[in-house]
Amino acid sequence: MIIDPKVTKLSIFNGGGGIVEREIKLSLSQGTNEFEIANVPASFDPNSTDIKLEYISPADKDLITLQQTIVSLPDVNTSQQIINREQSAATNIISYSIDFTRELREEVSNICEASSYRTYADMKGTFNFIINSKVNGEVIVKILYFIADLRIKWETTLQVNVNNDGKSAEIEAYLVVDNQTGFSYEDVELGFAIFELPMAAIETTGAEFASAVNIPMEQQAFTELSKQKRTQRMRNLML
């Protein structure tokens, strides 16, 4: 069964990337229950994935168990071939869009431009898991994984407002979040932490990305995340 757990929390690093937490309540049948998580970016690190079961009733702990988790990244070469074909097709369509009506031309251009900027990190990874249940029941599943994508990050900015007397001023500080990935996050609890991704993760296409995700950087990321002093809660937020 394909499921799409809601992203409940996104902890973004100033150097790029972050930690995604998702949650969903599942109805289980007696026996083996297989699930596939949708919308997992290829920039996620399979070594950082974690699934936890939160039992609605304490007695369910002995009746409902996580049997197996299977995570993997899409093949780099195959994905790049698909991306190249999409980009080529998008370029051709844009070049001939003059033949469309104005309204249709704008819509086609927006779709094609999104395809032309697509990278390996915008592909989707595989995240499957199996739950064994001795009864028909429900369980809350919490999923956590690390994404290594420099296109989503935060930075600080200052605005100085000089008062009319010319001798005093007020300073306003902001945190600006930049999300240029192909994945959006709506109505989440947003956290900020300081962590620089290794330079090897800057290139998110080709074999370099495949080798970059093998770096045990998720351990460093989780360590830095625990040190963050403050988490901002933002609702009705679209990144």
Protein backbone atom coordinates (compact mmCIF):
# COMPACT_ATOMS: atom_id res chain seq x y z
CA MET A 1 0.00 0.00 0.00
CA ILE A 2 1.32 3.44 -0.92
CA ILE A 3 1.04 5.99 1.87
CA ASP A 4 2.00 9.67 2.10
CA PRO A 5 2.73 10.50 5.75
CA LYS A 6 2.42 14.19 6.57
CA VAL A 7 5.63 16.11 7.18
CA THR A 8 5.16 17.33 10.74
CA LYS A 9 8.60 18.83 11.32
CA LEU A 10 11.42 20.07 9.11
CA SER A 11 14.76 20.99 10.69
CA ILE A 12 16.80 22.97 8.18
CA PHE A 13 20.56 23.53 8.33
CA ASN A 14 22.15 26.83 7.41
CA GLY A 15 24.64 25.05 5.14
CA GLY A 16 21.89 23.19 3.28
CA GLY A 17 19.86 20.03 3.81
CA GLY A 18 18.02 19.03 6.93
CA ILE A 19 16.05 16.41 8.81
CA VAL A 20 12.49 15.50 7.86
CA GLU A 21 10.02 14.03 10.33
CA ARG A 22 6.77 12.52 9.05
CA GLU A 23 3.83 10.88 10.82
CA ILE A 24 0.74 8.85 9.94
CA LYS A 25 -1.85 6.68 11.68
CA LEU A 26 -2.26 3.32 9.93
CA SER A 27 -5.00 0.73 10.08
CA LEU A 28 -3.56 -2.77 10.25
CA SER A 29 -4.96 -6.15 9.30
CA GLN A 30 -4.03 -9.29 11.14
CA GLY A 31 -0.88 -10.67 9.55
CA THR A 32 1.69 -8.94 7.34
CA ASN A 33 1.13 -5.31 6.33
CA GLU A 34 3.38 -3.84 3.62
CA PHE A 35 3.68 -0.09 3.02
CA GLU A 36 5.52 2.17 0.59
CA ILE A 37 6.14 5.81 1.50
CA ALA A 38 5.49 8.30 -1.29
CA ASN A 39 7.34 11.55 -2.03
CA VAL A 40 10.74 10.64 -0.59
CA PRO A 41 13.41 12.69 -2.42
CA ALA A 42 16.48 10.97 -3.83
CA SER A 43 18.54 13.36 -1.74
CA PHE A 44 17.61 11.43 1.42
CA ASP A 45 20.31 9.35 3.08
CA PRO A 46 19.22 5.68 3.41
CA ASN A 47 21.63 5.23 6.32
CA SER A 48 19.83 7.91 8.33
CA THR A 49 16.30 6.51 8.03
CA ASP A 50 14.43 5.55 11.16
CA ILE A 51 10.90 4.28 11.78
CA LYS A 52 9.26 4.23 15.19
CA LEU A 53 5.91 2.79 16.20
CA GLU A 54 3.79 4.68 18.68
CA TYR A 55 1.18 2.38 20.19
CA ILE A 56 -2.33 3.62 20.80
CA SER A 57 -2.75 1.03 23.56
CA PRO A 58 0.19 -0.20 25.70
CA ALA A 59 -0.98 -3.77 25.11
CA ASP A 60 -0.34 -3.38 21.37
CA LYS A 61 3.42 -3.37 21.94
CA ASP A 62 3.46 -7.16 22.07
CA LEU A 63 0.95 -7.52 19.23
CA ILE A 64 2.25 -5.06 16.63
CA THR A 65 5.91 -5.10 15.56
CA LEU A 66 8.05 -3.60 12.82
CA GLN A 67 9.44 -6.49 10.81
CA GLN A 68 11.56 -4.94 8.06
CA THR A 69 12.57 -1.64 6.51
CA ILE A 70 13.82 -1.39 2.91
CA VAL A 71 15.30 1.89 1.64
CA SER A 72 17.25 2.64 -1.52
CA LEU A 73 18.15 5.38 -3.98
CA PRO A 74 17.22 5.32 -7.68
CA ASP A 75 19.94 4.29 -10.11
CA VAL A 76 22.06 7.33 -10.95
CA ASN A 77 22.71 6.52 -14.62
CA THR A 78 19.09 5.61 -15.41
CA SER A 79 17.79 8.68 -13.60
CA GLN A 80 20.20 10.97 -15.43
CA GLN A 81 19.09 9.56 -18.77
CA ILE A 82 15.46 10.29 -17.88
CA ILE A 83 16.35 13.82 -16.76
CA ASN A 84 18.30 14.49 -19.95
CA ARG A 85 15.37 13.36 -22.10
CA GLU A 86 12.95 15.52 -20.11
CA GLN A 87 15.20 18.56 -20.41
CA SER A 88 15.62 18.04 -24.14
CA ALA A 89 11.87 17.66 -24.64
CA ALA A 90 11.19 20.73 -22.48
CA THR A 91 13.62 22.85 -24.50
CA ASN A 92 12.01 21.80 -27.77
CA ILE A 93 8.49 22.49 -26.51
CA ILE A 94 9.46 25.93 -25.21
CA SER A 95 11.08 26.84 -28.54
CA TYR A 96 7.83 26.02 -30.38
CA SER A 97 5.46 27.47 -27.77
CA ILE A 98 5.01 30.58 -29.93
CA ASP A 99 2.46 28.54 -31.86
CA PHE A 100 0.20 28.27 -28.79
CA THR A 101 -2.33 30.78 -27.53
CA ARG A 102 -1.06 33.21 -24.88
CA GLU A 103 -2.77 31.47 -21.95
CA LEU A 104 -1.66 28.01 -23.05
CA ARG A 105 1.84 29.23 -23.84
CA GLU A 106 2.34 30.52 -20.29
CA GLU A 107 1.06 27.29 -18.76
CA VAL A 108 3.25 25.12 -21.00
CA SER A 109 6.30 27.29 -20.34
CA ASN A 110 5.88 27.00 -16.56
CA ILE A 111 5.67 23.21 -16.75
CA CYS A 112 8.62 22.93 -19.12
CA GLU A 113 10.82 25.30 -17.15
CA ALA A 114 10.28 23.18 -14.02
CA SER A 115 11.40 20.10 -15.97
CA SER A 116 14.45 21.88 -17.38
CA TYR A 117 15.76 22.63 -13.86
CA ARG A 118 15.19 19.12 -12.53
CA THR A 119 18.16 17.28 -10.99
CA TYR A 120 18.85 13.83 -9.57
CA ALA A 121 17.88 15.06 -6.11
CA ASP A 122 14.35 15.73 -7.41
CA MET A 123 13.87 12.07 -8.27
CA LYS A 124 12.19 9.82 -5.72
CA GLY A 125 13.82 7.23 -3.51
CA THR A 126 12.36 3.95 -2.28
CA PHE A 127 11.21 3.65 1.33
CA ASN A 128 9.25 0.49 2.20
CA PHE A 129 8.49 -1.16 5.52
CA ILE A 130 6.59 -4.17 6.83
CA ILE A 131 4.55 -4.36 10.04
CA ASN A 132 3.40 -7.64 11.56
CA SER A 133 0.20 -7.52 13.55
CA LYS A 134 -1.49 -10.26 15.54
CA VAL A 135 -4.77 -8.32 15.61
CA ASN A 136 -6.77 -5.87 13.54
CA GLY A 137 -5.87 -2.48 14.92
CA GLU A 138 -4.19 0.89 14.49
CA VAL A 139 -0.72 2.25 15.11
CA ILE A 140 0.99 5.62 14.69
CA VAL A 141 4.11 5.47 12.53
CA LYS A 142 6.81 8.12 12.78
CA ILE A 143 9.41 8.35 10.01
CA LEU A 144 12.63 10.32 10.13
CA TYR A 145 15.36 10.79 7.51
CA PHE A 146 18.16 13.15 6.56
CA ILE A 147 18.19 15.02 3.23
CA ALA A 148 21.49 16.17 1.71
CA ASP A 149 20.39 18.95 -0.62
CA LEU A 150 22.06 22.36 -0.66
CA ARG A 151 19.06 23.88 -2.43
CA ILE A 152 17.11 24.11 0.82
CA LYS A 153 18.73 26.18 3.57
CA TRP A 154 18.31 29.20 5.80
CA GLU A 155 20.29 32.37 6.28
CA THR A 156 20.09 35.50 8.42
CA THR A 157 19.45 39.05 7.27
CA LEU A 158 19.47 42.37 9.12
CA GLN A 159 17.52 45.56 8.46
CA VAL A 160 18.64 48.81 10.12
CA ASN A 161 16.02 51.54 10.52
CA VAL A 162 17.59 54.90 11.38
CA ASN A 163 15.35 57.12 13.48
CA ASN A 164 14.53 60.72 12.56
CA ASP A 165 16.96 62.11 15.13
CA GLY A 166 19.82 60.55 13.16
CA LYS A 167 21.45 59.36 16.37
CA SER A 168 19.58 56.12 17.10
CA ALA A 169 18.38 53.18 15.10
CA GLU A 170 16.39 49.98 15.36
CA ILE A 171 17.69 46.68 14.07
CA GLU A 172 15.37 43.95 12.80
CA ALA A 173 16.73 40.45 12.25
CA TYR A 174 15.14 37.78 10.07
CA LEU A 175 15.65 34.16 9.18
CA VAL A 176 15.11 33.60 5.47
CA VAL A 177 14.36 30.09 4.21
CA ASP A 178 15.21 29.26 0.60
CA ASN A 179 13.70 26.11 -0.92
CA GLN A 180 14.62 25.49 -4.56
CA THR A 181 13.98 21.75 -4.48
CA GLY A 182 11.15 19.97 -6.24
CA PHE A 183 9.46 19.14 -2.93
CA SER A 184 7.21 21.47 -0.93
CA TYR A 185 6.46 21.41 2.80
CA GLU A 186 3.18 22.86 4.02
CA ASP A 187 1.96 23.55 7.56
CA VAL A 188 5.06 22.20 9.31
CA GLU A 189 6.92 22.86 12.53
CA LEU A 190 10.08 24.49 11.26
CA GLY A 191 13.39 24.18 13.11
CA PHE A 192 16.74 25.81 12.42
CA ALA A 193 20.18 24.38 13.17
CA ILE A 194 23.77 25.14 12.24
CA PHE A 195 25.53 22.51 10.16
CA GLU A 196 27.65 22.63 7.01
CA LEU A 197 27.22 19.79 4.53
CA PRO A 198 30.48 18.29 3.22
CA MET A 199 31.59 19.84 -0.06
CA ALA A 200 31.16 16.44 -1.75
CA ALA A 201 27.40 16.85 -1.45
CA ILE A 202 27.28 20.10 -3.42
CA GLU A 203 26.91 18.31 -6.76
CA THR A 204 23.51 16.65 -6.75
CA THR A 205 23.68 14.98 -10.13
CA GLY A 206 25.63 12.01 -11.40
CA ALA A 207 28.03 9.65 -9.68
CA GLU A 208 29.34 12.39 -7.36
CA PHE A 209 26.00 12.50 -5.54
CA ALA A 210 25.93 8.72 -5.17
CA SER A 211 29.33 8.75 -3.50
CA ALA A 212 28.45 11.79 -1.38
CA VAL A 213 25.51 10.10 0.35
CA ASN A 214 27.84 7.36 1.58
CA ILE A 215 29.54 9.87 3.88
CA PRO A 216 28.31 9.33 7.46
CA MET A 217 27.31 12.99 7.69
CA GLU A 218 23.88 12.20 9.10
CA GLN A 219 25.58 11.39 12.39
CA GLN A 220 27.14 14.85 12.46
CA ALA A 221 23.83 16.41 11.47
CA PHE A 222 21.86 14.76 14.25
CA THR A 223 24.56 15.80 16.74
CA GLU A 224 24.35 19.42 15.64
CA LEU A 225 20.56 19.31 15.64
CA SER A 226 20.51 18.39 19.32
CA LYS A 227 22.56 21.53 20.05
CA GLN A 228 20.15 23.99 18.50
CA LYS A 229 18.95 26.50 21.04
CA ARG A 230 15.57 27.37 19.62
CA THR A 231 12.91 25.99 17.32
CA GLN A 232 10.45 28.25 15.57
CA ARG A 233 6.89 27.01 15.12
CA MET A 234 5.37 28.22 11.88
CA ARG A 235 1.94 27.21 10.72
CA ASN A 236 0.29 27.55 7.33
CA LEU A 237 3.78 27.63 5.88
CA MET A 238 4.55 26.62 2.32
CA LEU A 239 8.20 26.03 1.46
